[in-house]
PDB file of N, CA and C in Angstrom:
ATOM      1  N   MET A   1     -34.277  19.683 -88.513  1.00  0.00           N
ATOM      2  CA  MET A   1     -33.349  18.641 -87.966  1.00  0.00           C
ATOM      3  C   MET A   1     -34.052  17.588 -89.171  1.00  0.00           C
ATOM      4  N   ALA A   2     -32.708  16.949 -89.678  1.00  0.00           N
ATOM      5  CA  ALA A   2     -33.574  15.517 -90.405  1.00  0.00           C
ATOM      6  C   ALA A   2     -32.896  14.544 -89.782  1.00  0.00           C
ATOM      7  N   LYS A   3     -34.155  13.418 -89.909  1.00  0.00           N
ATOM      8  CA  LYS A   3     -34.061  12.601 -89.038  1.00  0.00           C
ATOM      9  C   LYS A   3     -32.579  11.647 -89.046  1.00  0.00           C
ATOM     10  N   LEU A   4     -31.999  11.086 -87.687  1.00  0.00           N
ATOM     11  CA  LEU A   4     -30.997  10.498 -88.055  1.00  0.00           C
ATOM     12  C   LEU A   4     -31.083   9.167 -89.119  1.00  0.00           C
ATOM     13  N   LYS A   5     -30.183   8.754 -89.804  1.00  0.00           N
ATOM     14  CA  LYS A   5     -30.732   7.095 -90.394  1.00  0.00           C
ATOM     15  C   LYS A   5     -29.895   6.206 -89.441  1.00  0.00           C
ATOM     16  N   THR A   6     -30.538   4.920 -88.658  1.00  0.00           N
ATOM     17  CA  THR A   6     -30.008   4.256 -88.244  1.00  0.00           C
ATOM     18  C   THR A   6     -28.790   3.731 -89.065  1.00  0.00           C
ATOM     19  N   GLY A   7     -27.501   3.239 -88.743  1.00  0.00           N
ATOM     20  CA  GLY A   7     -26.341   2.490 -88.996  1.00  0.00           C
ATOM     21  C   GLY A   7     -25.040   3.215 -88.406  1.00  0.00           C
ATOM     22  N   ARG A   8     -24.099   2.938 -89.114  1.00  0.00           N
ATOM     23  CA  ARG A   8     -23.132   2.390 -88.168  1.00  0.00           C
ATOM     24  C   ARG A   8     -22.143   3.958 -87.068  1.00  0.00           C
ATOM     25  N   HIS A   9     -22.640   4.922 -88.055  1.00  0.00           N
ATOM     26  CA  HIS A   9     -22.210   6.327 -87.856  1.00  0.00           C
ATOM     27  C   HIS A   9     -22.965   7.239 -87.500  1.00  0.00           C
ATOM     28  N   THR A  10     -24.557   6.482 -86.948  1.00  0.00           N
ATOM     29  CA  THR A  10     -24.869   7.275 -85.953  1.00  0.00           C
ATOM     30  C   THR A  10     -24.344   7.561 -84.506  1.00  0.00           C
ATOM     31  N   SER A  11     -23.291   7.068 -84.106  1.00  0.00           N
ATOM     32  CA  SER A  11     -23.159   7.899 -82.859  1.00  0.00           C
ATOM     33  C   SER A  11     -21.430   8.810 -83.250  1.00  0.00           C
ATOM     34  N   GLY A  12     -21.430   8.474 -84.626  1.00  0.00           N
ATOM     35  CA  GLY A  12     -20.458   9.800 -84.687  1.00  0.00           C
ATOM     36  C   GLY A  12     -21.134  11.140 -85.091  1.00  0.00           C
ATOM     37  N   ILE A  13     -22.499  11.634 -86.052  1.00  0.00           N
ATOM     38  CA  ILE A  13     -23.039  12.197 -86.385  1.00  0.00           C
ATOM     39  C   ILE A  13     -23.676  12.548 -84.598  1.00  0.00           C
ATOM     40  N   LYS A  14     -23.654  12.089 -83.522  1.00  0.00           N
ATOM     41  CA  LYS A  14     -24.295  12.693 -82.326  1.00  0.00           C
ATOM     42  C   LYS A  14     -23.157  13.327 -81.512  1.00  0.00           C
ATOM     43  N   ALA A  15     -21.991  12.367 -81.520  1.00  0.00           N
ATOM     44  CA  ALA A  15     -20.851  13.109 -81.444  1.00  0.00           C
ATOM     45  C   ALA A  15     -20.058  14.648 -81.743  1.00  0.00           C
ATOM     46  N   TRP A  16     -20.268  14.256 -83.427  1.00  0.00           N
ATOM     47  CA  TRP A  16     -20.528  15.877 -84.196  1.00  0.00           C
ATOM     48  C   TRP A  16     -20.744  17.017 -83.854  1.00  0.00           C
ATOM     49  N   ARG A  17     -22.287  16.371 -83.272  1.00  0.00           N
ATOM     50  CA  ARG A  17     -23.361  17.838 -82.922  1.00  0.00           C
ATOM     51  C   ARG A  17     -22.905  18.005 -81.347  1.00  0.00           C
ATOM     52  N   LYS A  18     -22.843  17.478 -80.782  1.00  0.00           N
ATOM     53  CA  LYS A  18     -22.429  17.831 -79.465  1.00  0.00           C
ATOM     54  C   LYS A  18     -20.525  18.666 -79.078  1.00  0.00           C
ATOM     55  N   SER A  19     -19.878  17.719 -79.968  1.00  0.00           N
ATOM     56  CA  SER A  19     -18.531  19.401 -80.463  1.00  0.00           C
ATOM     57  C   SER A  19     -18.439  20.356 -80.726  1.00  0.00           C
ATOM     58  N   GLU A  20     -19.864  20.466 -81.570  1.00  0.00           N
ATOM     59  CA  GLU A  20     -20.038  21.866 -82.128  1.00  0.00           C
ATOM     60  C   GLU A  20     -20.803  22.499 -81.007  1.00  0.00           C
ATOM     61  N   ARG A  21     -21.722  21.837 -80.162  1.00  0.00           N
ATOM     62  CA  ARG A  21     -22.094  22.621 -78.995  1.00  0.00           C
ATOM     63  C   ARG A  21     -21.218  23.146 -77.973  1.00  0.00           C
ATOM     64  N   LEU A  22     -20.106  22.332 -77.946  1.00  0.00           N
ATOM     65  CA  LEU A  22     -19.232  22.493 -76.890  1.00  0.00           C
ATOM     66  C   LEU A  22     -18.333  23.209 -77.493  1.00  0.00           C
ATOM     67  N   ALA A  23     -17.889  23.240 -78.795  1.00  0.00           N
ATOM     68  CA  ALA A  23     -16.673  24.027 -79.136  1.00  0.00           C
ATOM     69  C   ALA A  23     -17.587  25.893 -79.154  1.00  0.00           C
ATOM     70  N   SER A  24     -18.951  25.714 -79.685  1.00  0.00           N
ATOM     71  CA  SER A  24     -19.725  27.522 -79.504  1.00  0.00           C
ATOM     72  C   SER A  24     -19.682  27.744 -78.034  1.00  0.00           C
ATOM     73  N   ARG A  25     -20.077  27.071 -77.006  1.00  0.00           N
ATOM     74  CA  ARG A  25     -19.543  27.270 -75.869  1.00  0.00           C
ATOM     75  C   ARG A  25     -18.318  28.103 -75.161  1.00  0.00           C
ATOM     76  N   ASN A  26     -17.435  27.020 -75.796  1.00  0.00           N
ATOM     77  CA  ASN A  26     -15.764  27.456 -75.082  1.00  0.00           C
ATOM     78  C   ASN A  26     -15.351  28.714 -75.988  1.00  0.00           C
ATOM     79  N   ARG A  27     -16.027  29.205 -77.537  1.00  0.00           N
ATOM     80  CA  ARG A  27     -15.601  30.206 -78.067  1.00  0.00           C
ATOM     81  C   ARG A  27     -16.057  31.053 -77.236  1.00  0.00           C
ATOM     82  N   GLY A  28     -17.520  31.132 -76.872  1.00  0.00           N
ATOM     83  CA  GLY A  28     -17.582  32.091 -76.048  1.00  0.00           C
ATOM     84  C   GLY A  28     -17.194  32.708 -74.533  1.00  0.00           C
ATOM     85  N   VAL A  29     -16.650  31.873 -74.118  1.00  0.00           N
ATOM     86  CA  VAL A  29     -16.024  31.751 -72.871  1.00  0.00           C
ATOM     87  C   VAL A  29     -14.452  32.551 -73.179  1.00  0.00           C
ATOM     88  N   LYS A  30     -14.114  31.944 -74.467  1.00  0.00           N
ATOM     89  CA  LYS A  30     -12.760  32.685 -74.538  1.00  0.00           C
ATOM     90  C   LYS A  30     -12.297  33.563 -75.310  1.00  0.00           C
ATOM     91  N   THR A  31     -13.647  34.562 -75.509  1.00  0.00           N
ATOM     92  CA  THR A  31     -13.946  35.579 -76.299  1.00  0.00           C
ATOM     93  C   THR A  31     -14.048  37.040 -75.041  1.00  0.00           C
ATOM     94  N   ARG A  32     -14.791  36.205 -74.342  1.00  0.00           N
ATOM     95  CA  ARG A  32     -14.917  37.103 -72.845  1.00  0.00           C
ATOM     96  C   ARG A  32     -13.409  37.661 -72.456  1.00  0.00           C
ATOM     97  N   ILE A  33     -13.000  36.022 -72.189  1.00  0.00           N
ATOM     98  CA  ILE A  33     -11.724  36.617 -71.533  1.00  0.00           C
ATOM     99  C   ILE A  33     -10.514  37.438 -72.531  1.00  0.00           C
ATOM    100  N   HIS A  34     -10.704  36.904 -73.601  1.00  0.00           N
ATOM    101  CA  HIS A  34      -9.742  37.801 -74.538  1.00  0.00           C
ATOM    102  C   HIS A  34      -9.863  39.241 -74.471  1.00  0.00           C
ATOM    103  N   ASP A  35     -11.316  39.688 -74.472  1.00  0.00           N
ATOM    104  CA  ASP A  35     -12.150  41.058 -74.428  1.00  0.00           C
ATOM    105  C   ASP A  35     -11.558  41.596 -73.092  1.00  0.00           C
ATOM    106  N   ALA A  36     -11.668  41.044 -72.273  1.00  0.00           N
ATOM    107  CA  ALA A  36     -11.427  41.419 -70.657  1.00  0.00           C
ATOM    108  C   ALA A  36     -10.022  41.793 -70.392  1.00  0.00           C
ATOM    109  N   ALA A  37      -9.665  40.966 -71.018  1.00  0.00           N
ATOM    110  CA  ALA A  37      -8.001  40.980 -71.124  1.00  0.00           C
ATOM    111  C   ALA A  37      -7.287  42.050 -71.910  1.00  0.00           C
ATOM    112  N   ARG A  38      -7.997  42.523 -73.111  1.00  0.00           N
ATOM    113  CA  ARG A  38      -7.415  43.183 -73.984  1.00  0.00           C
ATOM    114  C   ARG A  38      -8.005  44.959 -73.011  1.00  0.00           C
ATOM    115  N   GLU A  39      -9.250  44.737 -72.648  1.00  0.00           N
ATOM    116  CA  GLU A  39      -9.774  46.169 -71.778  1.00  0.00           C
ATOM    117  C   GLU A  39      -8.901  46.114 -70.738  1.00  0.00           C
ATOM    118  N   PHE A  40      -8.036  45.462 -70.036  1.00  0.00           N
ATOM    119  CA  PHE A  40      -6.893  45.535 -68.950  1.00  0.00           C
ATOM    120  C   PHE A  40      -5.698  46.217 -69.682  1.00  0.00           C
ATOM    121  N   GLY A  41      -5.888  45.596 -70.377  1.00  0.00           N
ATOM    122  CA  GLY A  41      -4.147  45.880 -71.790  1.00  0.00           C
ATOM    123  C   GLY A  41      -4.345  47.777 -72.039  1.00  0.00           C
ATOM    124  N   VAL A  42      -5.505  47.945 -72.207  1.00  0.00           N
ATOM    125  CA  VAL A  42      -5.741  49.242 -72.513  1.00  0.00           C
ATOM    126  C   VAL A  42      -5.525  50.358 -70.881  1.00  0.00           C
ATOM    127  N   LEU A  43      -6.015  49.733 -69.861  1.00  0.00           N
ATOM    128  CA  LEU A  43      -5.830  50.722 -68.753  1.00  0.00           C
ATOM    129  C   LEU A  43      -4.625  50.550 -68.586  1.00  0.00           C
ATOM    130  N   VAL A  44      -3.859  49.430 -68.920  1.00  0.00           N
ATOM    131  CA  VAL A  44      -2.196  49.253 -68.164  1.00  0.00           C
ATOM    132  C   VAL A  44      -1.560  50.489 -68.761  1.00  0.00           C
ATOM    133  N   ALA A  45      -2.228  50.401 -70.410  1.00  0.00           N
ATOM    134  CA  ALA A  45      -1.286  51.246 -71.206  1.00  0.00           C
ATOM    135  C   ALA A  45      -1.585  52.926 -71.109  1.00  0.00           C
ATOM    136  N   LYS A  46      -2.606  53.107 -70.470  1.00  0.00           N
ATOM    137  CA  LYS A  46      -2.948  54.360 -70.130  1.00  0.00           C
ATOM    138  C   LYS A  46      -2.128  54.381 -68.703  1.00  0.00           C
ATOM    139  N   LYS A  47      -2.226  53.876 -67.975  1.00  0.00           N
ATOM    140  CA  LYS A  47      -1.197  53.708 -66.639  1.00  0.00           C
ATOM    141  C   LYS A  47      -2.588  53.849 -65.630  1.00  0.00           C
ATOM    142  N   ASP A  48      -3.764  53.812 -65.904  1.00  0.00           N
ATOM    143  CA  ASP A  48      -5.292  53.833 -64.987  1.00  0.00           C
ATOM    144  C   ASP A  48      -4.854  52.588 -63.623  1.00  0.00           C
ATOM    145  N   ILE A  49      -3.963  52.889 -62.879  1.00  0.00           N
ATOM    146  CA  ILE A  49      -3.685  51.508 -61.888  1.00  0.00           C
ATOM    147  C   ILE A  49      -5.110  51.061 -61.101  1.00  0.00           C
ATOM    148  N   GLU A  50      -5.765  52.275 -60.756  1.00  0.00           N
ATOM    149  CA  GLU A  50      -6.893  51.967 -59.894  1.00  0.00           C
ATOM    150  C   GLU A  50      -8.169  50.932 -60.996  1.00  0.00           C
ATOM    151  N   SER A  51      -8.721  51.642 -62.232  1.00  0.00           N
ATOM    152  CA  SER A  51      -9.243  51.005 -62.819  1.00  0.00           C
ATOM    153  C   SER A  51      -8.318  49.318 -62.861  1.00  0.00           C
ATOM    154  N   ALA A  52      -7.436  49.275 -63.462  1.00  0.00           N
ATOM    155  CA  ALA A  52      -6.744  48.365 -63.813  1.00  0.00           C
ATOM    156  C   ALA A  52      -6.772  47.058 -62.802  1.00  0.00           C
ATOM    157  N   GLN A  53      -6.795  47.652 -61.528  1.00  0.00           N
ATOM    158  CA  GLN A  53      -7.045  46.507 -60.048  1.00  0.00           C
ATOM    159  C   GLN A  53      -8.066  45.939 -60.121  1.00  0.00           C
ATOM    160  N   LYS A  54      -9.188  47.202 -60.455  1.00  0.00           N
ATOM    161  CA  LYS A  54     -10.385  46.237 -60.152  1.00  0.00           C
ATOM    162  C   LYS A  54     -11.116  45.719 -61.113  1.00  0.00           C
ATOM    163  N   LEU A  55     -10.274  45.503 -62.383  1.00  0.00           N
ATOM    164  CA  LEU A  55     -10.707  44.882 -63.360  1.00  0.00           C
ATOM    165  C   LEU A  55     -10.328  43.853 -63.275  1.00  0.00           C
ATOM    166  N   LEU A  56      -8.602  43.278 -62.939  1.00  0.00           N
ATOM    167  CA  LEU A  56      -7.908  42.246 -62.325  1.00  0.00           C
ATOM    168  C   LEU A  56      -8.770  41.186 -61.498  1.00  0.00           C
ATOM    169  N   PRO A  57      -9.404  41.176 -60.673  1.00  0.00           N
ATOM    170  CA  PRO A  57     -10.476  40.161 -60.032  1.00  0.00           C
ATOM    171  C   PRO A  57     -11.485  39.486 -61.001  1.00  0.00           C
ATOM    172  N   ARG A  58     -11.470  40.019 -61.902  1.00  0.00           N
ATOM    173  CA  ARG A  58     -12.198  39.827 -63.137  1.00  0.00           C
ATOM    174  C   ARG A  58     -12.271  38.822 -63.696  1.00  0.00           C
ATOM    175  N   VAL A  59     -11.157  39.319 -63.993  1.00  0.00           N
ATOM    176  CA  VAL A  59     -10.500  38.641 -65.630  1.00  0.00           C
ATOM    177  C   VAL A  59     -10.036  37.000 -64.539  1.00  0.00           C
ATOM    178  N   TYR A  60      -9.250  37.453 -63.414  1.00  0.00           N
ATOM    179  CA  TYR A  60      -8.943  36.124 -62.981  1.00  0.00           C
ATOM    180  C   TYR A  60     -10.127  35.076 -62.530  1.00  0.00           C
ATOM    181  N   ALA A  61     -11.308  35.948 -62.321  1.00  0.00           N
ATOM    182  CA  ALA A  61     -12.500  35.023 -62.712  1.00  0.00           C
ATOM    183  C   ALA A  61     -12.709  34.207 -64.041  1.00  0.00           C
ATOM    184  N   LEU A  62     -12.845  35.007 -64.781  1.00  0.00           N
ATOM    185  CA  LEU A  62     -13.322  34.032 -65.997  1.00  0.00           C
ATOM    186  C   LEU A  62     -12.252  33.085 -66.339  1.00  0.00           C
ATOM    187  N   LEU A  63     -10.677  33.529 -65.877  1.00  0.00           N
ATOM    188  CA  LEU A  63      -9.647  32.374 -66.332  1.00  0.00           C
ATOM    189  C   LEU A  63     -10.109  31.316 -65.469  1.00  0.00           C
ATOM    190  N   ASP A  64     -10.342  31.785 -64.162  1.00  0.00           N
ATOM    191  CA  ASP A  64     -10.327  30.753 -62.972  1.00  0.00           C
ATOM    192  C   ASP A  64     -11.559  29.439 -63.959  1.00  0.00           C
ATOM    193  N   LYS A  65     -13.021  30.045 -63.775  1.00  0.00           N
ATOM    194  CA  LYS A  65     -13.796  29.056 -64.649  1.00  0.00           C
ATOM    195  C   LYS A  65     -13.713  28.432 -65.527  1.00  0.00           C
ATOM    196  N   ALA A  66     -12.842  29.089 -66.914  1.00  0.00           N
ATOM    197  CA  ALA A  66     -12.300  28.382 -67.761  1.00  0.00           C
ATOM    198  C   ALA A  66     -11.653  27.097 -67.356  1.00  0.00           C
ATOM    199  N   ALA A  67     -10.557  27.520 -66.958  1.00  0.00           N
ATOM    200  CA  ALA A  67      -9.908  26.306 -66.310  1.00  0.00           C
ATOM    201  C   ALA A  67     -10.533  25.370 -65.681  1.00  0.00           C
ATOM    202  N   LYS A  68     -11.719  25.593 -64.700  1.00  0.00           N
ATOM    203  CA  LYS A  68     -12.573  24.748 -64.188  1.00  0.00           C
ATOM    204  C   LYS A  68     -13.197  23.824 -65.085  1.00  0.00           C
ATOM    205  N   THR A  69     -13.971  24.233 -65.902  1.00  0.00           N
ATOM    206  CA  THR A  69     -14.615  23.792 -66.905  1.00  0.00           C
ATOM    207  C   THR A  69     -13.712  23.123 -68.276  1.00  0.00           C
ATOM    208  N   GLY A  70     -12.728  23.089 -68.105  1.00  0.00           N
ATOM    209  CA  GLY A  70     -12.085  22.788 -69.173  1.00  0.00           C
ATOM    210  C   GLY A  70     -11.830  23.252 -70.406  1.00  0.00           C
ATOM    211  N   THR A  71     -12.275  24.648 -70.684  1.00  0.00           N
ATOM    212  CA  THR A  71     -11.943  25.345 -72.109  1.00  0.00           C
ATOM    213  C   THR A  71     -10.757  25.414 -72.022  1.00  0.00           C
ATOM    214  N   LEU A  72      -9.945  25.969 -70.907  1.00  0.00           N
ATOM    215  CA  LEU A  72      -8.889  26.482 -70.899  1.00  0.00           C
ATOM    216  C   LEU A  72      -7.849  25.397 -69.853  1.00  0.00           C
ATOM    217  N   HIS A  73      -6.927  25.016 -70.347  1.00  0.00           N
ATOM    218  CA  HIS A  73      -6.010  23.785 -69.868  1.00  0.00           C
ATOM    219  C   HIS A  73      -5.206  24.905 -68.056  1.00  0.00           C
ATOM    220  N   TRP A  74      -5.872  24.612 -67.128  1.00  0.00           N
ATOM    221  CA  TRP A  74      -4.737  25.070 -65.902  1.00  0.00           C
ATOM    222  C   TRP A  74      -3.491  25.747 -65.572  1.00  0.00           C
ATOM    223  N   LYS A  75      -2.463  25.083 -66.405  1.00  0.00           N
ATOM    224  CA  LYS A  75      -1.340  25.721 -66.821  1.00  0.00           C
ATOM    225  C   LYS A  75      -1.375  27.139 -67.623  1.00  0.00           C
ATOM    226  N   ALA A  76      -1.886  27.145 -68.552  1.00  0.00           N
ATOM    227  CA  ALA A  76      -2.752  28.154 -69.700  1.00  0.00           C
ATOM    228  C   ALA A  76      -3.045  29.521 -68.441  1.00  0.00           C
ATOM    229  N   ALA A  77      -4.104  29.262 -68.235  1.00  0.00           N
ATOM    230  CA  ALA A  77      -4.877  30.326 -67.076  1.00  0.00           C
ATOM    231  C   ALA A  77      -4.199  30.680 -65.719  1.00  0.00           C
ATOM    232  N   ALA A  78      -3.029  29.785 -65.436  1.00  0.00           N
ATOM    233  CA  ALA A  78      -1.571  30.226 -64.699  1.00  0.00           C
ATOM    234  C   ALA A  78      -0.918  31.230 -65.385  1.00  0.00           C
ATOM    235  N   ARG A  79      -0.757  30.978 -66.110  1.00  0.00           N
ATOM    236  CA  ARG A  79       0.405  31.851 -67.139  1.00  0.00           C
ATOM    237  C   ARG A  79      -0.129  33.096 -67.254  1.00  0.00           C
ATOM    238  N   LYS A  80      -0.974  33.199 -67.851  1.00  0.00           N
ATOM    239  CA  LYS A  80      -2.352  34.116 -68.556  1.00  0.00           C
ATOM    240  C   LYS A  80      -2.310  35.268 -67.108  1.00  0.00           C
ATOM    241  N   LYS A  81      -2.567  34.766 -66.067  1.00  0.00           N
ATOM    242  CA  LYS A  81      -2.515  35.260 -64.662  1.00  0.00           C
ATOM    243  C   LYS A  81      -1.415  35.665 -64.292  1.00  0.00           C
ATOM    244  N   SER A  82      -0.624  35.459 -64.258  1.00  0.00           N
ATOM    245  CA  SER A  82       1.130  35.536 -64.020  1.00  0.00           C
ATOM    246  C   SER A  82       1.159  36.869 -65.016  1.00  0.00           C
ATOM    247  N   ARG A  83       0.991  36.548 -66.040  1.00  0.00           N
ATOM    248  CA  ARG A  83       1.568  37.857 -66.857  1.00  0.00           C
ATOM    249  C   ARG A  83       0.583  39.045 -67.144  1.00  0.00           C
ATOM    250  N   LEU A  84      -0.610  38.985 -66.202  1.00  0.00           N
ATOM    251  CA  LEU A  84      -1.136  39.936 -65.846  1.00  0.00           C
ATOM    252  C   LEU A  84      -0.949  40.775 -64.808  1.00  0.00           C
ATOM    253  N   ALA A  85      -0.906  40.226 -64.080  1.00  0.00           N
ATOM    254  CA  ALA A  85       0.189  40.595 -62.834  1.00  0.00           C
ATOM    255  C   ALA A  85       1.531  41.316 -62.791  1.00  0.00           C
ATOM    256  N   LEU A  86       2.114  40.842 -63.780  1.00  0.00           N
ATOM    257  CA  LEU A  86       3.826  41.093 -63.944  1.00  0.00           C
ATOM    258  C   LEU A  86       3.364  42.948 -64.924  1.00  0.00           C
ATOM    259  N   ARG A  87       2.459  42.786 -65.500  1.00  0.00           N
ATOM    260  CA  ARG A  87       1.729  43.650 -66.279  1.00  0.00           C
ATOM    261  C   ARG A  87       1.668  45.077 -65.368  1.00  0.00           C
ATOM    262  N   ILE A  88       0.793  44.922 -64.357  1.00  0.00           N
ATOM    263  CA  ILE A  88       0.047  45.751 -63.362  1.00  0.00           C
ATOM    264  C   ILE A  88       1.314  46.308 -62.303  1.00  0.00           C
ATOM    265  N   LYS A  89       2.214  44.773 -62.203  1.00  0.00           N
ATOM    266  CA  LYS A  89       3.297  45.340 -61.531  1.00  0.00           C
ATOM    267  C   LYS A  89       4.107  46.360 -61.640  1.00  0.00           C
ATOM    268  N   SER A  90       4.333  46.095 -63.294  1.00  0.00           N
ATOM    269  CA  SER A  90       5.497  46.878 -63.941  1.00  0.00           C
ATOM    270  C   SER A  90       5.126  48.637 -64.186  1.00  0.00           C
ATOM    271  N   ILE A  91       3.891  48.825 -63.937  1.00  0.00           N
ATOM    272  CA  ILE A  91       3.249  50.427 -63.758  1.00  0.00           C
ATOM    273  C   ILE A  91       3.168  50.928 -62.936  1.00  0.00           C
ATOM    274  N   ALA A  92       3.154  49.989 -61.566  1.00  0.00           N
ATOM    275  CA  ALA A  92       2.981  50.244 -60.083  1.00  0.00           C
ATOM    276  C   ALA A  92       4.485  50.387 -59.913  1.00  0.00           C
ATOM    277  N   GLY A  93       5.246  50.525 -60.345  1.00  0.00           N
ATOM    278  CA  GLY A  93       6.672  50.697 -59.733  1.00  0.00           C
ATOM    279  C   GLY A  93       7.220  49.579 -59.048  1.00  0.00           C
ATOM    280  N   GLY A  94       6.844  48.297 -59.022  1.00  0.00           N
ATOM    281  CA  GLY A  94       7.236  47.813 -58.154  1.00  0.00           C
ATOM    282  C   GLY A  94       8.467  46.917 -59.224  1.00  0.00           C
ATOM    283  N   PRO A  95       9.207  46.572 -58.378  1.00  0.00           N
ATOM    284  CA  PRO A  95      10.561  45.430 -59.243  1.00  0.00           C
ATOM    285  C   PRO A  95       9.849  44.335 -59.951  1.00  0.00           C
ATOM    286  N   VAL A  96      10.118  44.333 -60.682  1.00  0.00           N
ATOM    287  CA  VAL A  96       9.478  43.338 -61.939  1.00  0.00           C
ATOM    288  C   VAL A  96      10.320  41.950 -62.340  1.00  0.00           C
ATOM    289  N   THR A  97      10.170  40.671 -61.722  1.00  0.00           N
ATOM    290  CA  THR A  97      11.341  39.846 -61.412  1.00  0.00           C
ATOM    291  C   THR A  97      10.732  38.379 -62.139  1.00  0.00           C
ATOM    292  N   LYS A  98      11.618  37.809 -63.176  1.00  0.00           N
ATOM    293  CA  LYS A  98      10.613  36.829 -64.328  1.00  0.00           C
ATOM    294  C   LYS A  98      11.412  35.570 -63.912  1.00  0.00           C
TER     295      LYS A  98
END
């Protein structure tokens, strides 16, 4: 990495570096959430309720951690958790209310 030139935009360069680091971290978190949710969706499509119920707490934990650190808005995380619960409820045979 080249040495920073001192001047008016030094703080801007540092802020850009920081935003790149945070974006990279957030991208990894969101990818893990997406992959776990997709795996959950596959289990729901196969109607494998036991495996889906075992995976659900792991997906919930990923969403909660992302909301806690600010990667995801807490209402977005709650909405995603609600939709996952609705999907498992629909194959479990319970009444689905929206």
